[in-house]
Amino acid sequence: MNIISRSKLLLCILILFAPVFAYSQTGIPDELRSSSVKDQLNYIESKTRIYENFRAVREDMFQKLKTNITDTLVSMQKQIARLNSETNTLKRSIDSLNSSLGATKTNLDDMTRSKNSVPLLGMEIEKGTYNTIMWSIIFALLLLLFIGFIVFKRNLGIVENRNKDLDDLKAEFEAYRKTSREAREKMALQHFNELKRLRGE
């Protein structure tokens, strides 16, 4: 039992001091200088051994890996801060653009409404409704004009007929007056002749 404990202790000492001996023989490998953190961890995992759930890592390699991870974290934090700042700037720009877009949309709606409407008697009326009203008025006026023309033509015909009847009546009256005058003159002449005869002249 004692021999087994001693051998385990000796093995642990060898494992712990192996990196020190190795460090004297080799420097920091290139994988820990230029590779990504994930590749560095994979390299450490592949180059170290596990004994009783412990992994022996050379101190210089551990410090280098620690420095690399810290530098990476600091760089990532700076990048995250920069990206957050850019995100906030972009959000402000988006909010400003959305505000400008809303104002532009409102102006466009006003211009479209103004373009598509016509002021009539102090009211804004859509062009379609305005055109319908105007064409209705025009058709109504044309209809009234047509009806007025028909009535005028009919009344003109009636007036012409009445004028003709009046002319005929005047002609008949003139003929009657002439005939009546001639008859009176003839009667007067006959009366005069009768008086002369009665007097014996």
Protein backbone atom coordinates (compact mmCIF):
# COMPACT_ATOMS: atom_id res chain seq x y z
CA MET A 1 0.00 0.00 0.00
CA ASN A 2 2.83 2.26 0.94
CA ILE A 3 4.62 1.47 -2.30
CA ILE A 4 1.50 2.32 -4.29
CA SER A 5 1.11 5.64 -2.49
CA ARG A 6 4.72 6.47 -3.09
CA SER A 7 4.43 5.64 -6.78
CA LYS A 8 1.33 7.83 -7.06
CA LEU A 9 3.09 10.65 -5.30
CA LEU A 10 6.09 10.26 -7.56
CA LEU A 11 3.85 10.23 -10.60
CA CYS A 12 2.07 13.42 -9.46
CA ILE A 13 5.39 15.14 -8.89
CA LEU A 14 6.53 14.11 -12.37
CA ILE A 15 3.30 15.36 -13.88
CA LEU A 16 3.48 18.65 -12.01
CA PHE A 17 7.11 19.26 -12.76
CA ALA A 18 7.00 17.92 -16.31
CA PRO A 19 5.89 21.30 -17.67
CA VAL A 20 8.82 22.95 -15.90
CA PHE A 21 11.27 20.54 -17.52
CA ALA A 22 9.49 20.91 -20.84
CA TYR A 23 9.53 24.70 -20.52
CA SER A 24 13.27 24.63 -20.23
CA GLN A 25 13.37 22.70 -23.47
CA THR A 26 10.64 24.45 -25.52
CA GLY A 27 9.11 27.94 -25.65
CA ILE A 28 5.49 28.99 -26.23
CA PRO A 29 4.08 27.08 -29.22
CA ASP A 30 2.84 29.01 -32.26
CA GLU A 31 -0.72 27.70 -31.68
CA LEU A 32 -0.90 29.86 -28.53
CA ARG A 33 0.40 32.92 -30.35
CA SER A 34 -1.77 33.19 -33.48
CA SER A 35 -4.69 30.75 -33.23
CA SER A 36 -8.19 31.50 -32.02
CA VAL A 37 -9.11 30.90 -28.37
CA LYS A 38 -11.06 27.78 -29.32
CA ASP A 39 -8.06 26.36 -31.22
CA GLN A 40 -5.77 27.22 -28.30
CA LEU A 41 -8.04 25.33 -25.87
CA ASN A 42 -8.17 22.40 -28.26
CA TYR A 43 -4.36 22.48 -28.47
CA ILE A 44 -4.03 22.49 -24.66
CA GLU A 45 -6.54 19.66 -24.43
CA SER A 46 -4.67 17.56 -26.98
CA LYS A 47 -1.18 18.20 -25.53
CA THR A 48 -1.94 17.58 -21.86
CA ARG A 49 -2.77 14.43 -19.96
CA ILE A 50 -5.47 13.72 -17.35
CA TYR A 51 -4.52 11.95 -14.17
CA GLU A 52 -7.15 11.26 -11.51
CA ASN A 53 -9.39 14.00 -12.95
CA PHE A 54 -6.54 16.55 -12.94
CA ARG A 55 -4.99 18.04 -16.04
CA ALA A 56 -1.38 19.22 -15.87
CA VAL A 57 -0.76 22.38 -17.88
CA ARG A 58 2.54 24.19 -18.17
CA GLU A 59 2.48 27.46 -16.22
CA ASP A 60 3.77 29.57 -19.12
CA MET A 61 1.19 28.04 -21.47
CA PHE A 62 -1.55 28.58 -18.87
CA GLN A 63 -0.52 32.23 -18.36
CA LYS A 64 -0.33 32.75 -22.13
CA LEU A 65 -3.78 31.18 -22.58
CA LYS A 66 -5.13 33.29 -19.70
CA THR A 67 -3.67 36.44 -21.25
CA ASN A 68 -5.05 35.52 -24.66
CA ILE A 69 -8.52 34.82 -23.23
CA THR A 70 -8.44 38.07 -21.21
CA ASP A 71 -7.32 40.04 -24.28
CA THR A 72 -10.03 38.39 -26.34
CA LEU A 73 -12.67 39.16 -23.71
CA VAL A 74 -11.51 42.79 -23.46
CA SER A 75 -11.53 43.06 -27.25
CA MET A 76 -14.98 41.49 -27.40
CA GLN A 77 -16.26 43.83 -24.68
CA LYS A 78 -14.89 46.82 -26.60
CA GLN A 79 -16.46 45.47 -29.78
CA ILE A 80 -19.76 44.91 -27.96
CA ALA A 81 -19.62 48.46 -26.55
CA ARG A 82 -18.82 49.83 -30.02
CA LEU A 83 -21.64 47.78 -31.56
CA ASN A 84 -24.04 48.95 -28.82
CA SER A 85 -23.02 52.53 -29.51
CA GLU A 86 -23.50 52.01 -33.25
CA THR A 87 -26.83 50.31 -32.54
CA ASN A 88 -27.98 53.27 -30.44
CA THR A 89 -26.84 55.67 -33.16
CA LEU A 90 -28.68 53.60 -35.76
CA LYS A 91 -31.79 53.51 -33.54
CA ARG A 92 -31.68 57.30 -33.23
CA SER A 93 -31.21 57.59 -36.99
CA ILE A 94 -34.11 55.16 -37.57
CA ASP A 95 -36.31 57.13 -35.14
CA SER A 96 -35.36 60.37 -36.91
CA LEU A 97 -36.03 58.78 -40.31
CA ASN A 98 -39.36 57.38 -39.08
CA SER A 99 -40.30 60.84 -37.81
CA SER A 100 -39.29 62.40 -41.13
CA LEU A 101 -41.15 59.66 -42.98
CA GLY A 102 -44.28 60.31 -40.90
CA ALA A 103 -44.06 64.04 -41.61
CA THR A 104 -43.46 63.35 -45.31
CA LYS A 105 -46.38 60.93 -45.40
CA THR A 106 -48.62 63.52 -43.71
CA ASN A 107 -47.52 66.18 -46.21
CA LEU A 108 -48.04 63.74 -49.08
CA ASP A 109 -51.52 62.88 -47.81
CA ASP A 110 -52.34 66.59 -47.52
CA MET A 111 -50.98 67.28 -51.02
CA THR A 112 -52.85 64.28 -52.45
CA ARG A 113 -56.06 65.35 -50.72
CA SER A 114 -55.53 68.93 -51.92
CA LYS A 115 -54.74 67.72 -55.44
CA ASN A 116 -57.74 65.41 -55.56
CA SER A 117 -60.17 67.98 -54.15
CA VAL A 118 -61.67 71.24 -55.37
CA PRO A 119 -62.87 74.10 -53.16
CA LEU A 120 -66.57 74.75 -53.73
CA LEU A 121 -68.61 77.14 -51.60
CA GLY A 122 -66.01 76.95 -48.83
CA MET A 123 -65.95 73.14 -48.80
CA GLU A 124 -63.32 70.73 -50.07
CA ILE A 125 -64.97 68.32 -52.52
CA GLU A 126 -63.23 65.39 -54.19
CA LYS A 127 -62.62 65.81 -57.89
CA GLY A 128 -64.75 62.78 -58.75
CA THR A 129 -67.70 64.17 -56.79
CA TYR A 130 -67.02 67.66 -58.18
CA ASN A 131 -66.96 66.31 -61.76
CA THR A 132 -70.19 64.40 -61.13
CA ILE A 133 -71.88 67.54 -59.77
CA MET A 134 -70.61 69.72 -62.64
CA TRP A 135 -71.62 67.23 -65.35
CA SER A 136 -75.02 66.80 -63.69
CA ILE A 137 -75.49 70.58 -63.73
CA ILE A 138 -74.35 70.75 -67.37
CA PHE A 139 -76.72 67.94 -68.39
CA ALA A 140 -79.56 69.59 -66.44
CA LEU A 141 -78.85 72.93 -68.17
CA LEU A 142 -78.67 71.24 -71.57
CA LEU A 143 -81.95 69.47 -70.83
CA LEU A 144 -83.55 72.76 -69.78
CA LEU A 145 -82.12 74.42 -72.88
CA PHE A 146 -83.53 71.65 -75.08
CA ILE A 147 -86.93 71.85 -73.36
CA GLY A 148 -86.83 75.66 -73.67
CA PHE A 149 -85.97 75.35 -77.36
CA ILE A 150 -88.88 72.93 -77.90
CA VAL A 151 -91.27 75.23 -76.00
CA PHE A 152 -89.95 78.27 -77.86
CA LYS A 153 -90.35 76.54 -81.20
CA ARG A 154 -93.88 75.44 -80.31
CA ASN A 155 -94.78 78.93 -79.07
CA LEU A 156 -93.21 80.42 -82.20
CA GLY A 157 -95.42 78.15 -84.31
CA ILE A 158 -98.46 79.16 -82.26
CA VAL A 159 -97.55 82.86 -82.62
CA GLU A 160 -97.04 82.44 -86.36
CA ASN A 161 -100.41 80.68 -86.65
CA ARG A 162 -102.09 83.39 -84.58
CA ASN A 163 -100.43 86.10 -86.67
CA LYS A 164 -101.63 84.33 -89.77
CA ASP A 165 -105.13 84.01 -88.29
CA LEU A 166 -104.97 87.68 -87.30
CA ASP A 167 -103.87 88.66 -90.80
CA ASP A 168 -106.69 86.56 -92.23
CA LEU A 169 -109.11 88.14 -89.77
CA LYS A 170 -107.84 91.61 -90.68
CA ALA A 171 -108.24 90.80 -94.35
CA GLU A 172 -111.76 89.49 -93.73
CA PHE A 173 -112.56 92.54 -91.62
CA GLU A 174 -111.23 94.88 -94.31
CA ALA A 175 -113.25 93.01 -96.92
CA TYR A 176 -116.31 93.10 -94.66
CA ARG A 177 -115.81 96.81 -93.92
CA LYS A 178 -115.35 97.53 -97.61
CA THR A 179 -118.42 95.49 -98.49
CA SER A 180 -120.38 97.09 -95.67
CA ARG A 181 -119.35 100.58 -96.76
CA GLU A 182 -120.24 99.85 -100.31
CA ALA A 183 -123.58 98.41 -99.16
CA ARG A 184 -124.26 101.50 -97.02
CA GLU A 185 -123.28 103.78 -99.85
CA LYS A 186 -125.49 101.82 -102.19
CA MET A 187 -128.30 101.87 -99.66
CA ALA A 188 -127.83 105.60 -99.09
CA LEU A 189 -127.83 106.14 -102.82
CA GLN A 190 -131.00 104.06 -103.20
CA HIS A 191 -132.58 105.95 -100.31
CA PHE A 192 -131.61 109.23 -101.85
CA ASN A 193 -133.02 108.13 -105.22
CA GLU A 194 -136.20 106.95 -103.50
CA LEU A 195 -136.61 110.29 -101.79
CA LYS A 196 -136.09 112.05 -105.05
CA ARG A 197 -138.70 109.90 -106.69
CA LEU A 198 -141.15 110.43 -103.86
CA ARG A 199 -140.70 114.18 -104.13
CA GLY A 200 -141.34 113.90 -107.78
CA GLU A 201 -138.21 115.36 -108.89
